[in-house]
Amino acid sequence: MSAVPSLKNESISVSMFLDWCKYTNIFYNNLYLEEYDWVIKMPLIPQGSEAQNEIKLKKFNLTKFVYLISY
């Protein structure tokens, strides 16, 4: 018998990449949730800009954005 209950071994696979939106001319830092095929998009724009705090959650669509680099 253990004093600490067992935990489920669940892990979420996340990839990070940069992309550019050709429609709004904004670069994004992205967290891609592979298991769910969703992307958390965080704009890379100067401090104080109106769009700086606009974090987006979108279904992954490779055709809408220009993929730059994965890290």
Protein backbone atom coordinates (compact mmCIF):
# COMPACT_ATOMS: atom_id res chain seq x y z
CA MET A 1 0.00 0.00 0.00
CA SER A 2 1.29 3.43 -0.93
CA ALA A 3 0.79 6.76 0.83
CA VAL A 4 0.77 8.54 -2.54
CA PRO A 5 -2.00 7.64 -4.98
CA SER A 6 -0.91 6.53 -8.43
CA LEU A 7 -1.11 9.06 -11.21
CA LYS A 8 -2.09 8.44 -14.79
CA ASN A 9 0.84 8.73 -17.14
CA GLU A 10 -0.57 11.29 -19.56
CA SER A 11 1.60 13.49 -21.67
CA ILE A 12 0.76 15.99 -24.36
CA SER A 13 3.08 16.28 -27.32
CA VAL A 14 3.77 19.93 -28.16
CA SER A 15 5.79 21.39 -31.04
CA MET A 16 6.84 25.01 -31.37
CA PHE A 17 7.24 26.95 -34.59
CA LEU A 18 7.20 30.45 -36.05
CA ASP A 19 4.96 31.51 -38.89
CA TRP A 20 3.84 34.64 -40.72
CA CYS A 21 0.30 35.65 -41.66
CA LYS A 22 0.31 37.15 -45.14
CA TYR A 23 -3.11 38.79 -44.58
CA THR A 24 -2.30 40.73 -41.39
CA ASN A 25 1.50 40.91 -41.85
CA ILE A 26 2.14 39.58 -38.31
CA PHE A 27 4.66 36.98 -37.15
CA TYR A 28 3.41 34.38 -34.65
CA ASN A 29 5.05 32.14 -32.08
CA ASN A 30 3.01 28.91 -32.07
CA LEU A 31 2.47 25.95 -29.78
CA TYR A 32 1.12 23.03 -31.80
CA LEU A 33 -0.84 20.46 -29.77
CA GLU A 34 -0.23 17.41 -31.94
CA GLU A 35 -2.76 15.11 -30.29
CA TYR A 36 -5.63 17.56 -30.84
CA ASP A 37 -4.40 19.21 -34.08
CA TRP A 38 -4.81 22.71 -32.55
CA VAL A 39 -2.43 25.67 -32.49
CA ILE A 40 -2.03 28.36 -29.82
CA LYS A 41 -0.91 31.47 -31.72
CA MET A 42 0.89 34.30 -29.90
CA PRO A 43 1.73 37.41 -31.95
CA LEU A 44 5.33 38.64 -32.01
CA ILE A 45 4.80 42.39 -32.16
CA PRO A 46 6.22 45.43 -30.34
CA GLN A 47 5.30 46.20 -26.73
CA GLY A 48 2.21 48.41 -26.42
CA SER A 49 0.58 47.35 -29.68
CA GLU A 50 -3.19 46.71 -29.64
CA ALA A 51 -2.83 43.21 -31.08
CA GLN A 52 -0.08 42.18 -28.65
CA ASN A 53 -2.46 40.49 -26.19
CA GLU A 54 -4.50 38.66 -28.84
CA ILE A 55 -3.61 35.03 -28.22
CA LYS A 56 -5.57 32.78 -30.58
CA LEU A 57 -6.56 29.13 -30.47
CA LYS A 58 -7.12 27.75 -33.97
CA LYS A 59 -7.52 24.44 -35.73
CA PHE A 60 -4.22 23.73 -37.51
CA ASN A 61 -4.30 24.79 -41.17
CA LEU A 62 -0.97 24.81 -42.98
CA THR A 63 -2.31 26.67 -46.05
CA LYS A 64 -3.28 29.93 -44.29
CA PHE A 65 0.15 30.82 -42.87
CA VAL A 66 3.75 30.83 -44.10
CA TYR A 67 5.72 28.32 -42.01
CA LEU A 68 9.17 29.71 -41.11
CA ILE A 69 10.99 27.50 -38.63
CA SER A 70 10.43 24.84 -36.00
CA TYR A 71 12.29 24.89 -32.67
